Protein backbone atom coordinates (compact mmCIF):
# COMPACT_ATOMS: atom_id res chain seq x y z
CA MET A 1 0.00 0.00 0.00
CA THR A 2 1.41 3.39 -0.94
CA THR A 3 2.02 6.32 1.40
CA GLN A 4 -0.73 8.23 -0.40
CA GLN A 5 -3.18 5.38 0.19
CA TYR A 6 -2.29 5.20 3.86
CA GLN A 7 -2.70 8.95 4.27
CA PHE A 8 -6.34 8.41 3.33
CA PHE A 9 -6.84 6.59 6.62
CA THR A 10 -4.68 8.77 8.85
CA GLY A 11 -6.15 12.21 8.26
CA GLY A 12 -3.33 13.42 6.02
CA ASP A 13 -0.40 12.88 8.43
CA TRP A 14 2.73 11.53 6.78
CA ARG A 15 3.11 7.90 7.72
CA ALA A 16 5.03 5.44 5.62
CA ILE A 17 4.07 1.80 5.49
CA SER A 18 6.89 -0.65 4.90
CA PRO A 19 6.57 -3.51 2.38
CA VAL A 20 6.63 -6.34 4.93
CA ASN A 21 4.87 -9.63 4.43
CA GLN A 22 1.12 -9.14 4.72
CA GLY A 23 0.40 -12.85 4.57
CA PHE A 24 0.31 -15.38 7.42
CA GLY A 25 1.89 -13.81 10.48
CA GLY A 26 2.77 -10.63 8.61
CA VAL A 27 1.84 -7.32 10.20
CA ALA A 28 2.24 -4.05 8.34
CA GLN A 29 4.75 -1.76 10.03
CA VAL A 30 3.64 1.84 10.26
CA GLY A 31 6.10 4.65 10.90
CA ARG A 32 5.54 8.17 12.17
CA GLY A 33 8.74 9.68 10.93
CA PRO A 34 12.12 7.94 10.36
CA LYS A 35 12.56 6.36 13.81
CA ALA A 36 9.26 5.33 15.34
CA ARG A 37 7.64 2.11 14.17
CA ASP A 38 4.18 0.92 15.21
CA ALA A 39 2.66 -2.44 14.34
CA LEU A 40 -0.90 -2.79 13.17
CA ALA A 41 -2.74 -5.45 15.15
CA PRO A 42 -3.90 -8.59 13.27
CA LEU A 43 -6.94 -8.41 10.99
CA ILE A 44 -9.07 -11.53 10.41
CA THR A 45 -11.85 -11.22 7.84
CA ILE A 46 -14.85 -13.52 7.49
CA ILE A 47 -16.79 -13.50 4.22
CA GLY A 48 -19.58 -15.66 2.86
CA CYS A 49 -23.10 -15.79 1.54
CA ASP A 50 -25.99 -14.65 3.74
CA GLY A 51 -26.88 -17.50 6.07
CA ALA A 52 -23.33 -18.87 6.26
CA GLY A 53 -22.94 -17.64 9.85
CA LYS A 54 -20.51 -14.72 9.52
CA SER A 55 -21.90 -12.68 12.41
CA THR A 56 -22.30 -15.59 14.83
CA LEU A 57 -18.88 -17.07 14.12
CA GLY A 58 -17.21 -13.66 14.17
CA ALA A 59 -18.72 -12.83 17.55
CA GLU A 60 -17.68 -16.15 19.09
CA LEU A 61 -14.16 -15.98 17.62
CA THR A 62 -13.78 -12.44 18.98
CA ARG A 63 -14.91 -13.62 22.42
CA ARG A 64 -12.27 -16.37 22.39
CA ILE A 65 -9.46 -14.04 21.30
CA ASN A 66 -10.50 -11.52 23.95
CA GLY A 67 -9.48 -14.03 26.60
CA ALA A 68 -5.82 -13.41 25.74
CA ARG A 69 -5.65 -10.01 24.01
CA PRO A 70 -7.92 -7.07 23.20
CA ALA A 71 -10.17 -7.92 20.25
CA ARG A 72 -13.17 -6.36 18.57
CA LEU A 73 -15.71 -7.53 15.99
CA CYS A 74 -16.30 -4.91 13.27
CA TYR A 75 -19.14 -5.01 10.78
CA LEU A 76 -18.01 -3.67 7.39
CA GLY A 77 -21.20 -4.20 5.42
CA LEU A 78 -23.57 -1.47 4.29
CA GLY A 79 -26.20 -2.15 6.94
CA SER A 80 -28.85 -1.02 4.48
CA GLY A 81 -31.39 -3.60 5.65
CA ASP A 82 -31.26 -2.56 9.30
CA MET A 83 -31.24 1.11 8.37
CA GLY A 84 -34.27 0.61 6.12
CA ARG A 85 -36.21 -0.97 8.97
CA LYS A 86 -35.32 1.93 11.28
CA ILE A 87 -36.40 4.50 8.68
CA LYS A 88 -39.66 2.63 8.11
CA SER A 89 -40.46 2.95 11.82
CA PHE A 90 -40.40 6.78 11.61
CA ARG A 91 -43.90 8.17 12.07
CA LEU A 92 -43.44 11.07 9.67
CA GLY A 93 -42.90 9.76 6.15
CA GLY A 94 -40.91 6.73 7.24
CA PRO A 95 -42.61 4.10 5.05
CA LEU A 96 -42.51 6.43 2.02
CA ILE A 97 -38.78 7.12 2.38
CA GLU A 98 -38.00 3.46 3.03
CA GLY A 99 -40.01 2.48 -0.04
CA TYR A 100 -37.97 4.84 -2.21
CA LEU A 101 -34.65 3.61 -0.80
CA SER A 102 -35.54 -0.06 -1.19
CA ASN A 103 -37.09 0.19 -4.66
CA SER A 104 -36.23 -3.24 -6.06
CA LYS A 105 -36.27 -2.17 -9.72
CA LYS A 106 -33.89 0.74 -9.14
CA ALA A 107 -31.61 -1.39 -6.97
CA ALA A 108 -31.55 -4.17 -9.59
CA ALA A 109 -30.74 -1.69 -12.37
CA THR A 110 -27.87 -0.21 -10.34
CA ARG A 111 -26.38 -3.68 -9.80
CA THR A 112 -26.72 -4.83 -13.43
CA ARG A 113 -23.89 -4.31 -15.90
CA GLY A 114 -25.11 -2.58 -19.06
CA LYS A 115 -28.12 -0.98 -17.36
CA LYS A 116 -28.30 2.73 -16.57
CA ILE A 117 -28.16 4.00 -12.99
CA PRO A 118 -31.71 5.35 -12.46
CA GLY A 119 -31.11 8.97 -11.56
CA ILE A 120 -29.10 11.16 -9.23
CA GLY A 121 -31.31 10.29 -6.24
CA THR A 122 -30.44 6.60 -6.43
CA ALA A 123 -26.77 7.42 -6.99
CA LEU A 124 -26.67 9.67 -3.92
CA VAL A 125 -28.25 6.96 -1.76
CA VAL A 126 -25.72 4.35 -2.94
CA TYR A 127 -22.84 6.79 -2.46
CA GLY A 128 -24.11 7.68 1.02
CA PHE A 129 -24.10 4.04 2.09
CA SER A 130 -20.54 3.69 0.75
CA LEU A 131 -19.51 6.67 2.90
CA LEU A 132 -20.98 4.91 5.93
CA ARG A 133 -18.89 1.85 5.07
CA LEU A 134 -15.80 4.07 4.84
CA ILE A 135 -16.51 5.48 8.31
CA ARG A 136 -16.71 1.93 9.70
CA PHE A 137 -13.48 1.06 7.91
CA LYS A 138 -11.62 4.03 9.40
CA ARG A 139 -12.83 3.12 12.88
CA MET A 140 -11.59 -0.42 12.32
CA MET A 141 -8.15 0.86 11.28
CA ALA A 142 -8.02 3.09 14.36
CA LEU A 143 -8.59 0.02 16.55
CA ARG A 144 -5.72 -1.82 14.86
CA ARG A 145 -3.38 1.12 15.41
CA ARG A 146 -4.26 0.97 19.12
CA GLY A 147 -3.23 -2.70 19.23
CA VAL A 148 -6.73 -4.22 19.11
CA THR A 149 -7.04 -7.44 17.10
CA VAL A 150 -9.95 -7.05 14.68
CA VAL A 151 -12.33 -9.67 13.30
CA THR A 152 -14.49 -8.29 10.48
CA ASP A 153 -17.86 -9.43 9.26
CA ARG A 154 -17.52 -8.76 5.49
CA TYR A 155 -14.82 -6.72 3.73
CA PRO A 156 -14.82 -4.13 0.92
CA GLN A 157 -13.55 -5.48 -2.40
CA ILE A 158 -13.15 -4.27 -5.99
CA GLU A 159 -13.29 -7.61 -7.80
CA VAL A 160 -17.08 -7.70 -8.20
CA ALA A 161 -19.09 -4.49 -8.63
CA GLY A 162 -22.69 -3.90 -7.67
CA PHE A 163 -23.03 -6.33 -4.77
CA TYR A 164 -21.10 -8.48 -2.28
CA ASP A 165 -19.45 -5.45 -0.66
CA GLY A 166 -18.13 -4.10 -3.96
CA PRO A 167 -18.58 -0.55 -5.29
CA GLY A 168 -22.27 0.05 -5.89
CA LEU A 169 -21.97 2.53 -8.76
CA SER A 170 -19.44 0.66 -10.89
CA ALA A 171 -21.68 -2.02 -12.41
CA ALA A 172 -24.31 -0.01 -14.30
CA ARG A 173 -23.46 2.97 -16.51
CA PRO A 174 -24.01 6.53 -15.26
CA GLY A 175 -26.74 8.58 -16.88
CA ASN A 176 -25.11 12.00 -16.47
CA ARG A 177 -21.84 13.68 -15.49
CA LEU A 178 -22.73 14.06 -11.84
CA VAL A 179 -23.52 10.37 -11.46
CA ALA A 180 -20.30 9.55 -13.34
CA PHE A 181 -18.37 11.76 -10.90
CA LEU A 182 -19.92 9.98 -7.90
CA ALA A 183 -19.10 6.61 -9.45
CA ARG A 184 -15.43 7.59 -9.92
CA GLN A 185 -15.15 8.91 -6.37
CA GLU A 186 -16.78 5.80 -4.94
CA ARG A 187 -14.46 3.57 -6.95
CA LYS A 188 -11.42 5.37 -5.55
CA MET A 189 -12.86 4.98 -2.07
CA TYR A 190 -13.12 1.21 -2.49
CA GLU A 191 -9.68 0.93 -4.07
CA ARG A 192 -8.16 2.59 -1.02
CA MET A 193 -10.00 0.34 1.39
CA ALA A 194 -9.23 -2.81 -0.61
CA ALA A 195 -5.52 -1.89 -0.64
CA VAL A 196 -5.41 -2.82 3.06
CA LEU A 197 -5.05 -6.61 3.05
CA PRO A 198 -6.29 -8.70 5.99
CA ASP A 199 -3.84 -11.13 7.59
CA VAL A 200 -6.21 -13.90 6.58
CA VAL A 201 -9.60 -14.14 4.83
CA ILE A 202 -11.90 -16.95 5.97
CA ARG A 203 -14.40 -17.92 3.27
CA LEU A 204 -17.49 -19.70 4.56
CA GLY A 205 -18.70 -22.15 1.94
CA ILE A 206 -22.39 -23.01 1.75
CA ASP A 207 -24.92 -24.03 -0.90
CA ALA A 208 -27.81 -21.74 -1.84
CA GLU A 209 -30.47 -24.16 -0.62
CA THR A 210 -29.00 -24.38 2.89
CA ALA A 211 -28.55 -20.62 2.97
CA PHE A 212 -32.18 -20.12 1.92
CA ALA A 213 -33.37 -22.51 4.64
CA ARG A 214 -31.57 -20.31 7.17
CA LYS A 215 -32.57 -17.00 5.53
CA PRO A 216 -36.01 -17.59 3.94
CA ASP A 217 -36.62 -13.83 3.62
CA HIS A 218 -33.80 -13.56 1.06
CA SER A 219 -34.00 -14.06 -2.70
CA ILE A 220 -32.81 -17.53 -3.72
CA ASP A 221 -31.38 -16.07 -6.96
CA GLN A 222 -29.29 -13.53 -5.05
CA LEU A 223 -28.11 -16.26 -2.69
CA ARG A 224 -27.02 -18.38 -5.65
CA ALA A 225 -25.10 -15.42 -7.07
CA LYS A 226 -23.34 -14.83 -3.76
CA VAL A 227 -22.49 -18.52 -3.38
CA ALA A 228 -20.89 -18.48 -6.84
CA VAL A 229 -18.86 -15.36 -6.07
CA THR A 230 -17.63 -16.43 -2.62
CA SER A 231 -15.19 -19.08 -3.83
CA ALA A 232 -13.75 -16.76 -6.48
CA LEU A 233 -13.06 -13.73 -4.28
CA THR A 234 -9.39 -13.22 -3.41
CA ILE A 235 -9.65 -9.90 -1.50
CA GLY A 236 -6.59 -8.56 -3.24
CA GLY A 237 -4.63 -11.81 -2.97
CA ALA A 238 -4.70 -11.94 0.84
CA SER A 239 -3.93 -15.25 2.55
CA SER A 240 -7.11 -17.29 2.73
CA ALA A 241 -8.79 -20.31 4.24
CA ASP A 242 -12.04 -22.09 3.40
CA ALA A 243 -14.49 -23.60 5.89
CA ASP A 244 -17.55 -25.73 5.18
CA ALA A 245 -20.32 -23.65 6.77
CA ARG A 246 -22.98 -26.32 6.17
CA ARG A 247 -21.78 -28.06 9.32
CA PRO A 248 -23.13 -27.31 12.79
CA CYS A 249 -21.87 -24.09 14.28
CA ALA A 250 -19.56 -25.70 16.87
CA GLY A 251 -17.57 -27.56 14.23
CA VAL A 252 -17.21 -24.52 11.99
CA LEU A 253 -16.07 -22.46 14.98
CA GLU A 254 -13.25 -24.93 15.69
CA THR A 255 -12.12 -24.59 12.07
CA VAL A 256 -12.22 -20.80 12.21
CA SER A 257 -10.34 -20.79 15.53
CA ALA A 258 -7.65 -23.02 14.03
CA VAL A 259 -7.20 -20.55 11.18
CA ALA A 260 -6.78 -17.71 13.70
CA ARG A 261 -4.05 -19.69 15.45
CA GLN A 262 -2.32 -20.22 12.11
CA VAL A 263 -1.86 -16.45 11.76
CA GLY A 264 -0.43 -16.20 15.26
CA VAL A 265 -3.54 -14.95 17.07
CA THR A 266 -3.33 -16.46 20.54
CA GLY A 267 -6.41 -16.99 22.66
CA ALA A 268 -8.40 -18.42 19.74
CA ALA A 269 -8.08 -21.98 21.04
CA GLY A 270 -11.29 -23.70 21.97
CA SER A 271 -10.39 -27.39 21.89
CA ARG A 272 -6.86 -28.78 22.25
CA HIS A 273 -7.56 -31.37 19.63
CA GLY A 274 -6.95 -30.97 15.94
CA VAL A 275 -9.65 -29.99 13.49
CA PRO A 276 -11.25 -33.02 11.80
CA GLY A 277 -10.85 -32.92 8.06
CA ALA A 278 -8.09 -30.32 8.07
CA ARG A 279 -5.03 -30.81 5.89
CA SER A 280 -1.97 -28.61 5.66
CA LEU A 281 -1.27 -26.70 2.50
CA PRO A 282 1.59 -24.30 1.66
CA ALA A 283 1.64 -21.06 3.64
CA GLY A 284 -0.62 -18.49 2.06
CA HIS A 285 -3.59 -20.82 1.59
CA ILE A 286 -5.04 -23.29 4.06
CA ARG A 287 -8.18 -25.22 3.20
CA PHE A 288 -10.44 -26.98 5.66
CA ALA A 289 -13.40 -29.18 4.75
CA CYS A 290 -15.85 -31.43 6.53
CA PRO A 291 -14.84 -35.06 5.81
CA ARG A 292 -18.46 -36.18 6.01
CA ARG A 293 -19.83 -33.37 3.79
CA CYS A 294 -22.37 -32.95 6.57
CA LEU A 295 -25.53 -31.05 5.64
CA ALA A 296 -26.68 -30.51 9.22
CA GLY A 297 -28.39 -27.13 9.21
CA CYS A 298 -27.36 -25.05 12.22
CA ARG A 299 -29.23 -21.74 12.25
CA VAL A 300 -26.38 -19.28 12.51
């Protein structure tokens, strides 16, 4: 990550970031001037389709790590669903505003390559949610600079536009210069966030049918799209691990905890025994899978 990119997160102060290993066990060294060197605390990212158990597993992993060192779970999604429900509860115009923000046709057009972004209003809403994500991201970076180990639920990426935590205005084409300007600015925003690589990315694998059984209020087509994207995401080439999230929560948690120990995060141990079905691969990519291909549906 360049000095200019890091300045984006530090309020403009000059801080150089040295090109140390950002893979397993690697922690970016941050310097305030030529002598002082501060280490960013570890960053563990959990990604996966809705219904895979990101929030539940992230919270439990954070609780385990907290037994040995300061740790915090940070949500880096848009939070548009929760915000929509809060807006809808407003007595004065709440349902009307929420209806405009959640217009399925406009949202679908914005996410579809080749379509036109439907107006400046939609573009401003999408850009506003991206700004909220940026605020969460900056808070997360501040925690790492204070020595707090961070586990994130989701992570911004630039590999897939329009959904799955990618830039929202980069899939469809802008209809005017102002929308084009917002799209460019949002893209830069995501590029800067994505330039910060986690120490490890844990991908939770699940099939769309199991995810739909756990999240019946979601669109099965969108779940299928997210399932397809999950295995292909690299998050900038960060070290990664895969876990079979179709298993019961306790088994998946042991897998996730083992991955945290692989990157040197102490306190993540739950059981002293090895993880069933785990096999060692070269550093930089560790893959875990359930040997029984268990389809037990744990509601996480």
